[in-house]
Amino acid sequence: MDGDAVLALLDKDLERLHGEGIEAVSALVRIDEQPEAAVVTPLSAREWDVVVIGGGIRKPEPLLPLFEQVVNLTRRYAPGAAIAFNASVDDTYEAAKRRL
């Protein structure tokens, strides 16, 4: 799947959440960079009810260290948030709603 298609699907799910009055933002983690740059600022911006961590960094076994970093950053900077996992990029809405 190309990057533009991924972003379009994520935007669609964000719009669905916004349509229900739920504040939601996307923080995209590049696999070739440290995740702090992408996730610390949005996680620290407010208290979150849920953080969805996507399969793009969770499923490929070589990305396990990155996945661990993102989970631990989430625990540190959004300690009150539930953590949810999407099964694919087009079910981020469902993953968030399961934990809200």
N, C-alpha and C. Protein backbone atom coordinates (compact mmCIF):
# COMPACT_ATOMS: atom_id res chain seq x y z
N MET A 1 0.85 -1.17 0.00
CA MET A 1 0.00 0.00 0.00
C MET A 1 0.90 1.23 0.00
N ASP A 2 0.56 2.21 -0.82
CA ASP A 2 1.40 3.40 -0.87
C ASP A 2 1.03 4.39 0.23
N GLY A 3 1.94 5.30 0.51
CA GLY A 3 1.77 6.25 1.60
C GLY A 3 0.54 7.11 1.47
N ASP A 4 0.23 7.56 0.25
CA ASP A 4 -0.95 8.40 0.06
C ASP A 4 -2.23 7.64 0.38
N ALA A 5 -2.29 6.37 0.02
CA ALA A 5 -3.47 5.56 0.32
C ALA A 5 -3.62 5.37 1.83
N VAL A 6 -2.51 5.14 2.51
CA VAL A 6 -2.54 4.99 3.97
C VAL A 6 -3.06 6.27 4.62
N LEU A 7 -2.52 7.41 4.20
CA LEU A 7 -2.95 8.70 4.77
C LEU A 7 -4.43 8.96 4.50
N ALA A 8 -4.90 8.61 3.32
CA ALA A 8 -6.32 8.81 3.00
C ALA A 8 -7.22 7.98 3.91
N LEU A 9 -6.83 6.73 4.17
CA LEU A 9 -7.63 5.89 5.06
C LEU A 9 -7.60 6.41 6.50
N LEU A 10 -6.43 6.84 6.96
CA LEU A 10 -6.34 7.41 8.30
C LEU A 10 -7.18 8.68 8.42
N ASP A 11 -7.11 9.53 7.41
CA ASP A 11 -7.91 10.76 7.42
C ASP A 11 -9.40 10.46 7.47
N LYS A 12 -9.81 9.44 6.75
CA LYS A 12 -11.22 9.05 6.76
C LYS A 12 -11.66 8.66 8.17
N ASP A 13 -10.85 7.87 8.86
CA ASP A 13 -11.21 7.46 10.22
C ASP A 13 -11.17 8.63 11.19
N LEU A 14 -10.20 9.55 11.02
CA LEU A 14 -10.17 10.75 11.86
C LEU A 14 -11.43 11.58 11.65
N GLU A 15 -11.87 11.72 10.41
CA GLU A 15 -13.09 12.46 10.12
C GLU A 15 -14.30 11.81 10.78
N ARG A 16 -14.36 10.49 10.80
CA ARG A 16 -15.48 9.79 11.46
C ARG A 16 -15.48 10.10 12.96
N LEU A 17 -14.30 10.07 13.57
CA LEU A 17 -14.20 10.39 15.00
C LEU A 17 -14.60 11.84 15.25
N HIS A 18 -14.08 12.76 14.44
CA HIS A 18 -14.42 14.18 14.58
C HIS A 18 -15.93 14.38 14.41
N GLY A 19 -16.53 13.64 13.50
CA GLY A 19 -17.97 13.74 13.27
C GLY A 19 -18.79 13.34 14.49
N GLU A 20 -18.21 12.57 15.38
CA GLU A 20 -18.89 12.17 16.62
C GLU A 20 -18.47 13.06 17.79
N GLY A 21 -17.73 14.14 17.47
CA GLY A 21 -17.31 15.05 18.52
C GLY A 21 -16.12 14.56 19.32
N ILE A 22 -15.38 13.60 18.77
CA ILE A 22 -14.22 13.03 19.44
C ILE A 22 -12.96 13.68 18.88
N GLU A 23 -12.17 14.31 19.77
CA GLU A 23 -10.91 14.90 19.31
C GLU A 23 -9.93 13.78 19.02
N ALA A 24 -9.34 13.83 17.85
CA ALA A 24 -8.38 12.80 17.44
C ALA A 24 -7.32 13.43 16.55
N VAL A 25 -6.11 12.96 16.70
CA VAL A 25 -5.01 13.40 15.85
C VAL A 25 -4.23 12.17 15.42
N SER A 26 -3.46 12.34 14.39
CA SER A 26 -2.62 11.26 13.89
C SER A 26 -1.17 11.65 14.11
N ALA A 27 -0.38 10.71 14.57
CA ALA A 27 1.07 10.90 14.73
C ALA A 27 1.75 9.77 13.99
N LEU A 28 2.28 10.07 12.85
CA LEU A 28 2.89 9.04 12.02
C LEU A 28 4.35 8.87 12.37
N VAL A 29 4.72 7.64 12.63
CA VAL A 29 6.09 7.29 13.01
C VAL A 29 6.80 6.76 11.78
N ARG A 30 7.91 7.38 11.45
CA ARG A 30 8.73 6.90 10.34
C ARG A 30 9.63 5.77 10.86
N ILE A 31 9.68 4.68 10.14
CA ILE A 31 10.44 3.54 10.62
C ILE A 31 11.94 3.77 10.59
N ASP A 32 12.39 4.80 9.90
CA ASP A 32 13.82 5.07 9.81
C ASP A 32 14.27 6.20 10.75
N GLU A 33 13.38 6.61 11.68
CA GLU A 33 13.71 7.67 12.63
C GLU A 33 13.30 7.25 14.04
N GLN A 34 13.86 7.91 15.02
CA GLN A 34 13.45 7.66 16.40
C GLN A 34 12.02 8.15 16.58
N PRO A 35 11.19 7.39 17.29
CA PRO A 35 9.77 7.75 17.38
C PRO A 35 9.46 8.96 18.24
N GLU A 36 10.38 9.37 19.10
CA GLU A 36 10.10 10.50 20.00
C GLU A 36 9.67 11.74 19.24
N ALA A 37 10.32 12.02 18.12
CA ALA A 37 10.01 13.22 17.35
C ALA A 37 8.56 13.23 16.89
N ALA A 38 7.99 12.08 16.62
CA ALA A 38 6.63 12.02 16.10
C ALA A 38 5.57 11.89 17.18
N VAL A 39 5.89 11.27 18.32
CA VAL A 39 4.81 10.95 19.27
C VAL A 39 4.81 11.73 20.57
N VAL A 40 5.96 12.23 21.03
CA VAL A 40 5.99 12.88 22.34
C VAL A 40 5.14 14.14 22.37
N THR A 41 5.26 15.00 21.37
CA THR A 41 4.49 16.25 21.38
C THR A 41 2.98 16.00 21.36
N PRO A 42 2.45 15.19 20.44
CA PRO A 42 1.00 14.98 20.48
C PRO A 42 0.53 14.25 21.74
N LEU A 43 1.32 13.30 22.23
CA LEU A 43 0.91 12.60 23.45
C LEU A 43 0.91 13.54 24.66
N SER A 44 1.81 14.50 24.67
CA SER A 44 1.92 15.44 25.79
C SER A 44 0.95 16.61 25.70
N ALA A 45 0.31 16.80 24.57
CA ALA A 45 -0.51 17.98 24.34
C ALA A 45 -1.75 18.04 25.22
N ARG A 46 -2.25 16.89 25.63
CA ARG A 46 -3.46 16.82 26.44
C ARG A 46 -3.58 15.43 27.01
N GLU A 47 -4.60 15.21 27.82
CA GLU A 47 -4.87 13.84 28.29
C GLU A 47 -5.69 13.13 27.22
N TRP A 48 -5.28 11.92 26.94
CA TRP A 48 -5.96 11.12 25.92
C TRP A 48 -6.70 9.97 26.58
N ASP A 49 -7.83 9.60 25.99
CA ASP A 49 -8.59 8.45 26.48
C ASP A 49 -8.07 7.15 25.88
N VAL A 50 -7.62 7.23 24.65
CA VAL A 50 -7.12 6.04 23.96
C VAL A 50 -6.04 6.44 22.96
N VAL A 51 -5.05 5.57 22.80
CA VAL A 51 -4.02 5.72 21.78
C VAL A 51 -4.04 4.45 20.95
N VAL A 52 -4.21 4.60 19.65
CA VAL A 52 -4.21 3.46 18.74
C VAL A 52 -2.82 3.34 18.13
N ILE A 53 -2.22 2.17 18.28
CA ILE A 53 -0.91 1.89 17.68
C ILE A 53 -1.14 0.94 16.51
N GLY A 54 -0.68 1.38 15.35
CA GLY A 54 -0.99 0.67 14.12
C GLY A 54 -0.12 -0.54 13.83
N GLY A 55 -0.69 -1.40 13.02
CA GLY A 55 -0.01 -2.63 12.62
C GLY A 55 1.22 -2.42 11.78
N GLY A 56 1.36 -1.24 11.18
CA GLY A 56 2.52 -0.97 10.36
C GLY A 56 3.83 -1.04 11.13
N ILE A 57 3.77 -0.74 12.42
CA ILE A 57 4.98 -0.90 13.25
C ILE A 57 4.86 -2.08 14.20
N ARG A 58 3.69 -2.65 14.32
CA ARG A 58 3.48 -3.75 15.25
C ARG A 58 3.69 -5.12 14.62
N LYS A 59 3.32 -5.26 13.37
CA LYS A 59 3.31 -6.58 12.76
C LYS A 59 4.64 -7.04 12.17
N PRO A 60 5.39 -6.20 11.49
CA PRO A 60 6.65 -6.73 10.93
C PRO A 60 7.65 -7.02 12.06
N GLU A 61 8.04 -8.25 12.20
CA GLU A 61 8.94 -8.65 13.28
C GLU A 61 10.21 -7.80 13.38
N PRO A 62 10.82 -7.41 12.28
CA PRO A 62 12.03 -6.58 12.40
C PRO A 62 11.78 -5.23 13.09
N LEU A 63 10.50 -4.79 13.15
CA LEU A 63 10.18 -3.51 13.79
C LEU A 63 9.82 -3.65 15.26
N LEU A 64 10.01 -4.83 15.83
CA LEU A 64 9.66 -5.05 17.24
C LEU A 64 10.30 -4.01 18.17
N PRO A 65 11.59 -3.67 18.04
CA PRO A 65 12.15 -2.63 18.93
C PRO A 65 11.45 -1.28 18.79
N LEU A 66 11.05 -0.90 17.58
CA LEU A 66 10.33 0.34 17.36
C LEU A 66 8.96 0.27 18.03
N PHE A 67 8.28 -0.84 17.86
CA PHE A 67 6.98 -1.04 18.49
C PHE A 67 7.10 -0.90 20.01
N GLU A 68 8.10 -1.53 20.60
CA GLU A 68 8.31 -1.42 22.05
C GLU A 68 8.53 0.03 22.47
N GLN A 69 9.32 0.76 21.69
CA GLN A 69 9.57 2.17 22.01
C GLN A 69 8.26 2.97 22.00
N VAL A 70 7.43 2.75 20.99
CA VAL A 70 6.18 3.49 20.89
C VAL A 70 5.24 3.14 22.05
N VAL A 71 5.15 1.87 22.40
CA VAL A 71 4.32 1.48 23.54
C VAL A 71 4.82 2.14 24.82
N ASN A 72 6.12 2.12 25.04
CA ASN A 72 6.66 2.71 26.26
C ASN A 72 6.55 4.23 26.27
N LEU A 73 6.69 4.88 25.14
CA LEU A 73 6.45 6.32 25.07
C LEU A 73 4.99 6.64 25.37
N THR A 74 4.09 5.81 24.87
CA THR A 74 2.67 5.99 25.15
C THR A 74 2.41 5.86 26.64
N ARG A 75 2.97 4.86 27.26
CA ARG A 75 2.78 4.68 28.71
C ARG A 75 3.34 5.86 29.48
N ARG A 76 4.46 6.42 29.04
CA ARG A 76 5.11 7.52 29.75
C ARG A 76 4.37 8.85 29.55
N TYR A 77 3.99 9.15 28.31
CA TYR A 77 3.45 10.47 28.00
C TYR A 77 1.92 10.52 27.93
N ALA A 78 1.26 9.38 27.97
CA ALA A 78 -0.20 9.32 28.03
C ALA A 78 -0.60 8.22 29.01
N PRO A 79 -0.18 8.37 30.28
CA PRO A 79 -0.36 7.27 31.23
C PRO A 79 -1.80 6.89 31.52
N GLY A 80 -2.73 7.80 31.30
CA GLY A 80 -4.13 7.47 31.56
C GLY A 80 -4.87 6.90 30.37
N ALA A 81 -4.20 6.81 29.24
CA ALA A 81 -4.86 6.36 28.01
C ALA A 81 -4.88 4.84 27.91
N ALA A 82 -6.01 4.34 27.42
CA ALA A 82 -6.06 2.94 27.02
C ALA A 82 -5.22 2.82 25.75
N ILE A 83 -4.69 1.64 25.51
CA ILE A 83 -3.93 1.40 24.28
C ILE A 83 -4.73 0.41 23.44
N ALA A 84 -4.95 0.78 22.19
CA ALA A 84 -5.69 -0.08 21.26
C ALA A 84 -4.79 -0.36 20.06
N PHE A 85 -5.11 -1.43 19.36
CA PHE A 85 -4.35 -1.82 18.18
C PHE A 85 -5.31 -2.05 17.03
N ASN A 86 -4.99 -1.47 15.88
CA ASN A 86 -5.84 -1.74 14.72
C ASN A 86 -5.34 -2.99 14.01
N ALA A 87 -6.24 -3.64 13.31
CA ALA A 87 -5.87 -4.84 12.56
C ALA A 87 -5.33 -4.47 11.19
N SER A 88 -5.80 -3.33 10.68
CA SER A 88 -5.31 -2.81 9.41
C SER A 88 -5.53 -1.30 9.42
N VAL A 89 -4.96 -0.62 8.46
CA VAL A 89 -5.02 0.83 8.45
C VAL A 89 -6.45 1.35 8.33
N ASP A 90 -7.35 0.55 7.77
CA ASP A 90 -8.71 1.04 7.58
C ASP A 90 -9.66 0.69 8.72
N ASP A 91 -9.14 0.23 9.86
CA ASP A 91 -10.03 0.02 11.00
C ASP A 91 -9.54 0.74 12.26
N THR A 92 -8.86 1.85 12.06
CA THR A 92 -8.40 2.65 13.19
C THR A 92 -9.59 3.18 13.99
N TYR A 93 -10.64 3.59 13.30
CA TYR A 93 -11.86 4.06 13.96
C TYR A 93 -12.41 2.98 14.89
N GLU A 94 -12.55 1.77 14.39
CA GLU A 94 -13.09 0.68 15.20
C GLU A 94 -12.21 0.37 16.40
N ALA A 95 -10.89 0.42 16.20
CA ALA A 95 -9.97 0.16 17.30
C ALA A 95 -10.14 1.20 18.39
N ALA A 96 -10.20 2.47 18.01
CA ALA A 96 -10.39 3.54 19.00
C ALA A 96 -11.74 3.39 19.72
N LYS A 97 -12.78 3.12 18.99
CA LYS A 97 -14.11 3.01 19.59
C LYS A 97 -14.21 1.84 20.56
N ARG A 98 -13.47 0.77 20.32
CA ARG A 98 -13.49 -0.37 21.26
C ARG A 98 -13.05 0.04 22.66
N ARG A 99 -12.15 1.02 22.75
CA ARG A 99 -11.57 1.40 24.04
C ARG A 99 -12.16 2.68 24.61
N LEU A 100 -13.05 3.34 23.87
CA LEU A 100 -13.68 4.56 24.39
C LEU A 100 -14.93 4.24 25.18
